Amino acid sequence: MLKAVLMATLLATGTPVSAAEPEVTTLIFVNAAEMESSPSADPGLSATGLEQATQLASSLEGTEISAIYTTYLNRAVQTVTPLSKAHQQQLDYFRLNGDPEQTTATLKDMIKKNKGKTIVICSVPENITAMLQHAGVKGKIMKTLYDKGSGQVLVVKHSGNNTAVAQKLNMNIQKKV
């Protein structure tokens, strides 16, 4: 009875009654593009990888991106460099060491700084899989992203209550005929 009276009073005064919808942050996880065959410990991108990086930038043209995060690996940096140039944004670097607590803290910090916005996170499959797990994405989607190799993109809609909805995309180049 008290609840009904309170609701009626709030409605009569024009006070919103419904709980606010949680802000949704869009996380675009990018598996670093194809690397070159090189004896280097930190190889750059192959010709196909460079095409994938260019395709990523053109695929996200018109998308408002508030931050672009990347690890320090050459192939990850080179994957998002065309995107950062196209959006005239600097790259924000992060490092993960396999510690689950650090992974969670890094991801939470990225989301907190960009709440309700869209961010791009580029790394190697191992780091992305760990971050996806902490974002609340289910195992099957993570496995398909990991198994497909380079040039994969996963868009995750993350709400404040740690709910995540994921959609897998592919940035592989479509051959022109």
C-alpha atoms as a PDB file:
ATOM      1  CA  MET A   1       0.000   0.000   0.000  1.00  0.00           C
ATOM      2  CA  LEU A   2       2.783   2.420   0.946  1.00  0.00           C
ATOM      3  CA  LYS A   3       4.577   1.570  -2.284  1.00  0.00           C
ATOM      4  CA  ALA A   4       1.481   2.417  -4.342  1.00  0.00           C
ATOM      5  CA  VAL A   5       1.040   5.758  -2.541  1.00  0.00           C
ATOM      6  CA  LEU A   6       4.715   6.611  -3.059  1.00  0.00           C
ATOM      7  CA  MET A   7       4.510   5.733  -6.782  1.00  0.00           C
ATOM      8  CA  ALA A   8       1.346   7.830  -7.214  1.00  0.00           C
ATOM      9  CA  THR A   9       2.992  10.783  -5.451  1.00  0.00           C
ATOM     10  CA  LEU A  10       6.101  10.551  -7.612  1.00  0.00           C
ATOM     11  CA  LEU A  11       4.025  10.341 -10.778  1.00  0.00           C
ATOM     12  CA  ALA A  12       1.862  13.297  -9.740  1.00  0.00           C
ATOM     13  CA  THR A  13       4.926  15.456  -9.132  1.00  0.00           C
ATOM     14  CA  GLY A  14       6.504  14.486 -12.446  1.00  0.00           C
ATOM     15  CA  THR A  15       9.421  12.680 -10.832  1.00  0.00           C
ATOM     16  CA  PRO A  16      10.732   9.838 -12.998  1.00  0.00           C
ATOM     17  CA  VAL A  17       9.821   6.505 -11.441  1.00  0.00           C
ATOM     18  CA  SER A  18      11.705   3.970 -13.504  1.00  0.00           C
ATOM     19  CA  ALA A  19      15.273   3.032 -12.752  1.00  0.00           C
ATOM     20  CA  ALA A  20      17.786   4.644 -15.065  1.00  0.00           C
ATOM     21  CA  GLU A  21      19.076   2.442 -17.858  1.00  0.00           C
ATOM     22  CA  PRO A  22      22.757   1.647 -17.379  1.00  0.00           C
ATOM     23  CA  GLU A  23      25.076   3.447 -19.765  1.00  0.00           C
ATOM     24  CA  VAL A  24      26.372   1.156 -22.482  1.00  0.00           C
ATOM     25  CA  THR A  25      30.045   1.309 -23.378  1.00  0.00           C
ATOM     26  CA  THR A  26      30.986  -0.171 -26.742  1.00  0.00           C
ATOM     27  CA  LEU A  27      34.274  -2.057 -26.743  1.00  0.00           C
ATOM     28  CA  ILE A  28      35.692  -2.918 -30.158  1.00  0.00           C
ATOM     29  CA  PHE A  29      38.261  -5.661 -29.608  1.00  0.00           C
ATOM     30  CA  VAL A  30      40.675  -6.018 -32.528  1.00  0.00           C
ATOM     31  CA  ASN A  31      42.934  -9.021 -32.932  1.00  0.00           C
ATOM     32  CA  ALA A  32      46.171  -7.610 -34.365  1.00  0.00           C
ATOM     33  CA  ALA A  33      46.384  -7.984 -38.147  1.00  0.00           C
ATOM     34  CA  GLU A  34      48.501 -10.592 -39.931  1.00  0.00           C
ATOM     35  CA  MET A  35      52.191 -10.336 -39.064  1.00  0.00           C
ATOM     36  CA  GLU A  36      55.064 -10.628 -41.472  1.00  0.00           C
ATOM     37  CA  SER A  37      57.240 -13.718 -41.559  1.00  0.00           C
ATOM     38  CA  SER A  38      60.334 -12.468 -39.839  1.00  0.00           C
ATOM     39  CA  PRO A  39      62.989 -13.763 -37.491  1.00  0.00           C
ATOM     40  CA  SER A  40      62.330 -10.672 -35.381  1.00  0.00           C
ATOM     41  CA  ALA A  41      60.981 -11.163 -31.858  1.00  0.00           C
ATOM     42  CA  ASP A  42      58.487  -8.359 -32.545  1.00  0.00           C
ATOM     43  CA  PRO A  43      57.545  -8.485 -36.255  1.00  0.00           C
ATOM     44  CA  GLY A  44      55.459  -5.880 -38.026  1.00  0.00           C
ATOM     45  CA  LEU A  45      52.575  -6.487 -40.413  1.00  0.00           C
ATOM     46  CA  SER A  46      52.621  -8.443 -43.661  1.00  0.00           C
ATOM     47  CA  ALA A  47      51.186  -6.905 -46.850  1.00  0.00           C
ATOM     48  CA  THR A  48      47.856  -8.573 -46.019  1.00  0.00           C
ATOM     49  CA  GLY A  49      48.090  -7.237 -42.461  1.00  0.00           C
ATOM     50  CA  LEU A  50      48.613  -3.695 -43.751  1.00  0.00           C
ATOM     51  CA  GLU A  51      45.499  -4.124 -45.924  1.00  0.00           C
ATOM     52  CA  GLN A  52      43.579  -5.400 -42.883  1.00  0.00           C
ATOM     53  CA  ALA A  53      44.670  -2.337 -40.885  1.00  0.00           C
ATOM     54  CA  THR A  54      43.515  -0.023 -43.679  1.00  0.00           C
ATOM     55  CA  GLN A  55      40.217  -1.928 -43.898  1.00  0.00           C
ATOM     56  CA  LEU A  56      39.706  -1.532 -40.147  1.00  0.00           C
ATOM     57  CA  ALA A  57      40.120   2.235 -40.455  1.00  0.00           C
ATOM     58  CA  SER A  58      37.676   2.467 -43.357  1.00  0.00           C
ATOM     59  CA  SER A  59      35.194   0.106 -41.641  1.00  0.00           C
ATOM     60  CA  LEU A  60      35.079   2.381 -38.604  1.00  0.00           C
ATOM     61  CA  GLU A  61      34.886   5.596 -40.632  1.00  0.00           C
ATOM     62  CA  GLY A  62      32.089   7.700 -39.195  1.00  0.00           C
ATOM     63  CA  THR A  63      32.154   5.874 -35.858  1.00  0.00           C
ATOM     64  CA  GLU A  64      32.788   8.205 -32.951  1.00  0.00           C
ATOM     65  CA  ILE A  65      35.676   6.668 -31.030  1.00  0.00           C
ATOM     66  CA  SER A  66      36.753   8.188 -27.732  1.00  0.00           C
ATOM     67  CA  ALA A  67      39.957   6.155 -27.269  1.00  0.00           C
ATOM     68  CA  ILE A  68      42.184   3.687 -29.117  1.00  0.00           C
ATOM     69  CA  TYR A  69      44.106   1.317 -26.841  1.00  0.00           C
ATOM     70  CA  THR A  70      46.930  -0.935 -27.986  1.00  0.00           C
ATOM     71  CA  THR A  71      49.698  -3.046 -26.551  1.00  0.00           C
ATOM     72  CA  TYR A  72      53.288  -2.149 -27.380  1.00  0.00           C
ATOM     73  CA  LEU A  73      53.717  -4.978 -29.931  1.00  0.00           C
ATOM     74  CA  ASN A  74      54.601  -3.707 -33.423  1.00  0.00           C
ATOM     75  CA  ARG A  75      51.804  -5.644 -35.114  1.00  0.00           C
ATOM     76  CA  ALA A  76      49.182  -4.287 -32.689  1.00  0.00           C
ATOM     77  CA  VAL A  77      50.428  -0.700 -33.031  1.00  0.00           C
ATOM     78  CA  GLN A  78      50.565  -0.988 -36.836  1.00  0.00           C
ATOM     79  CA  THR A  79      47.035  -2.461 -36.888  1.00  0.00           C
ATOM     80  CA  VAL A  80      45.449   0.610 -35.267  1.00  0.00           C
ATOM     81  CA  THR A  81      47.777   3.327 -36.601  1.00  0.00           C
ATOM     82  CA  PRO A  82      45.661   3.970 -39.745  1.00  0.00           C
ATOM     83  CA  LEU A  83      42.602   4.198 -37.491  1.00  0.00           C
ATOM     84  CA  SER A  84      44.300   6.673 -35.152  1.00  0.00           C
ATOM     85  CA  LYS A  85      45.377   8.811 -38.120  1.00  0.00           C
ATOM     86  CA  ALA A  86      41.899   8.728 -39.654  1.00  0.00           C
ATOM     87  CA  HIS A  87      40.334   9.819 -36.350  1.00  0.00           C
ATOM     88  CA  GLN A  88      43.209  12.168 -35.481  1.00  0.00           C
ATOM     89  CA  GLN A  89      43.644  10.469 -32.114  1.00  0.00           C
ATOM     90  CA  GLN A  90      46.735   9.404 -30.270  1.00  0.00           C
ATOM     91  CA  LEU A  91      47.169   5.799 -29.233  1.00  0.00           C
ATOM     92  CA  ASP A  92      46.840   4.872 -25.559  1.00  0.00           C
ATOM     93  CA  TYR A  93      49.214   2.044 -24.653  1.00  0.00           C
ATOM     94  CA  PHE A  94      48.637  -0.712 -22.120  1.00  0.00           C
ATOM     95  CA  ARG A  95      50.568  -3.752 -20.971  1.00  0.00           C
ATOM     96  CA  LEU A  96      49.224  -7.017 -19.574  1.00  0.00           C
ATOM     97  CA  ASN A  97      51.389  -9.570 -17.813  1.00  0.00           C
ATOM     98  CA  GLY A  98      48.977 -12.488 -17.460  1.00  0.00           C
ATOM     99  CA  ASP A  99      47.823 -11.489 -13.976  1.00  0.00           C
ATOM    100  CA  PRO A 100      43.989 -11.751 -13.899  1.00  0.00           C
ATOM    101  CA  GLU A 101      43.675  -8.960 -11.333  1.00  0.00           C
ATOM    102  CA  GLN A 102      45.754  -6.606 -13.470  1.00  0.00           C
ATOM    103  CA  THR A 103      43.718  -7.551 -16.566  1.00  0.00           C
ATOM    104  CA  THR A 104      40.469  -6.808 -14.736  1.00  0.00           C
ATOM    105  CA  ALA A 105      41.808  -3.513 -13.374  1.00  0.00           C
ATOM    106  CA  THR A 106      43.065  -2.424 -16.814  1.00  0.00           C
ATOM    107  CA  LEU A 107      39.743  -3.180 -18.493  1.00  0.00           C
ATOM    108  CA  LYS A 108      37.720  -1.542 -15.704  1.00  0.00           C
ATOM    109  CA  ASP A 109      39.889   1.573 -15.982  1.00  0.00           C
ATOM    110  CA  MET A 110      39.345   1.746 -19.754  1.00  0.00           C
ATOM    111  CA  ILE A 111      35.577   1.411 -19.305  1.00  0.00           C
ATOM    112  CA  LYS A 112      35.456   3.912 -16.427  1.00  0.00           C
ATOM    113  CA  LYS A 113      37.365   6.553 -18.431  1.00  0.00           C
ATOM    114  CA  ASN A 114      35.058   6.072 -21.429  1.00  0.00           C
ATOM    115  CA  LYS A 115      31.698   5.235 -19.867  1.00  0.00           C
ATOM    116  CA  GLY A 116      28.903   5.359 -22.424  1.00  0.00           C
ATOM    117  CA  LYS A 117      31.334   5.819 -25.335  1.00  0.00           C
ATOM    118  CA  THR A 118      33.050   3.658 -27.933  1.00  0.00           C
ATOM    119  CA  ILE A 119      36.647   2.480 -27.563  1.00  0.00           C
ATOM    120  CA  VAL A 120      38.951   0.271 -29.629  1.00  0.00           C
ATOM    121  CA  ILE A 121      41.264  -2.232 -27.911  1.00  0.00           C
ATOM    122  CA  CYS A 122      43.930  -3.946 -30.034  1.00  0.00           C
ATOM    123  CA  SER A 123      46.186  -6.763 -28.918  1.00  0.00           C
ATOM    124  CA  VAL A 124      47.067 -10.404 -29.507  1.00  0.00           C
ATOM    125  CA  PRO A 125      44.449 -13.162 -28.983  1.00  0.00           C
ATOM    126  CA  GLU A 126      45.697 -14.155 -25.526  1.00  0.00           C
ATOM    127  CA  ASN A 127      45.220 -10.645 -24.125  1.00  0.00           C
ATOM    128  CA  ILE A 128      41.897 -10.117 -25.881  1.00  0.00           C
ATOM    129  CA  THR A 129      40.556 -13.437 -24.606  1.00  0.00           C
ATOM    130  CA  ALA A 130      41.488 -12.507 -21.026  1.00  0.00           C
ATOM    131  CA  MET A 131      39.882  -9.080 -21.343  1.00  0.00           C
ATOM    132  CA  LEU A 132      36.729 -10.523 -22.936  1.00  0.00           C
ATOM    133  CA  GLN A 133      36.398 -12.960 -20.076  1.00  0.00           C
ATOM    134  CA  HIS A 134      36.566 -10.098 -17.574  1.00  0.00           C
ATOM    135  CA  ALA A 135      34.021  -8.124 -19.632  1.00  0.00           C
ATOM    136  CA  GLY A 136      31.504 -10.962 -19.229  1.00  0.00           C
ATOM    137  CA  VAL A 137      31.655 -12.448 -22.750  1.00  0.00           C
ATOM    138  CA  LYS A 138      30.914 -16.179 -22.954  1.00  0.00           C
ATOM    139  CA  GLY A 139      33.578 -18.744 -23.878  1.00  0.00           C
ATOM    140  CA  LYS A 140      32.259 -19.861 -27.292  1.00  0.00           C
ATOM    141  CA  ILE A 141      32.532 -16.383 -28.799  1.00  0.00           C
ATOM    142  CA  MET A 142      36.033 -15.946 -27.360  1.00  0.00           C
ATOM    143  CA  LYS A 143      37.112 -19.292 -28.797  1.00  0.00           C
ATOM    144  CA  THR A 144      35.950 -18.440 -32.323  1.00  0.00           C
ATOM    145  CA  LEU A 145      37.780 -15.119 -32.190  1.00  0.00           C
ATOM    146  CA  TYR A 146      40.949 -16.809 -30.975  1.00  0.00           C
ATOM    147  CA  ASP A 147      40.766 -19.717 -33.459  1.00  0.00           C
ATOM    148  CA  LYS A 148      40.230 -17.544 -36.529  1.00  0.00           C
ATOM    149  CA  GLY A 149      43.600 -15.837 -36.223  1.00  0.00           C
ATOM    150  CA  SER A 150      44.543 -12.333 -37.289  1.00  0.00           C
ATOM    151  CA  GLY A 151      42.213  -9.639 -38.471  1.00  0.00           C
ATOM    152  CA  GLN A 152      39.215 -10.486 -36.318  1.00  0.00           C
ATOM    153  CA  VAL A 153      37.010  -7.897 -34.628  1.00  0.00           C
ATOM    154  CA  LEU A 154      34.526  -8.373 -31.816  1.00  0.00           C
ATOM    155  CA  VAL A 155      32.130  -5.591 -30.821  1.00  0.00           C
ATOM    156  CA  VAL A 156      31.002  -5.833 -27.214  1.00  0.00           C
ATOM    157  CA  LYS A 157      28.212  -3.742 -25.719  1.00  0.00           C
ATOM    158  CA  HIS A 158      29.017  -3.543 -22.005  1.00  0.00           C
ATOM    159  CA  SER A 159      26.504  -2.167 -19.526  1.00  0.00           C
ATOM    160  CA  GLY A 160      27.227  -1.032 -16.000  1.00  0.00           C
ATOM    161  CA  ASN A 161      25.930  -4.238 -14.415  1.00  0.00           C
ATOM    162  CA  ASN A 162      28.728  -6.275 -16.078  1.00  0.00           C
ATOM    163  CA  THR A 163      26.389  -7.545 -18.789  1.00  0.00           C
ATOM    164  CA  ALA A 164      28.031  -7.957 -22.175  1.00  0.00           C
ATOM    165  CA  VAL A 165      26.554  -8.625 -25.593  1.00  0.00           C
ATOM    166  CA  ALA A 166      29.069  -9.521 -28.299  1.00  0.00           C
ATOM    167  CA  GLN A 167      28.933  -9.482 -32.106  1.00  0.00           C
ATOM    168  CA  LYS A 168      31.793 -10.945 -34.149  1.00  0.00           C
ATOM    169  CA  LEU A 169      32.928  -9.038 -37.230  1.00  0.00           C
ATOM    170  CA  ASN A 170      35.627  -9.804 -39.777  1.00  0.00           C
ATOM    171  CA  MET A 171      37.997  -7.179 -41.151  1.00  0.00           C
ATOM    172  CA  ASN A 172      39.480  -9.483 -43.781  1.00  0.00           C
ATOM    173  CA  ILE A 173      39.747  -7.762 -47.137  1.00  0.00           C
ATOM    174  CA  GLN A 174      37.069  -8.520 -49.679  1.00  0.00           C
ATOM    175  CA  LYS A 175      38.811  -9.125 -52.999  1.00  0.00           C
ATOM    176  CA  LYS A 176      37.607  -6.852 -55.783  1.00  0.00           C
ATOM    177  CA  VAL A 177      36.742  -8.684 -58.984  1.00  0.00           C
END
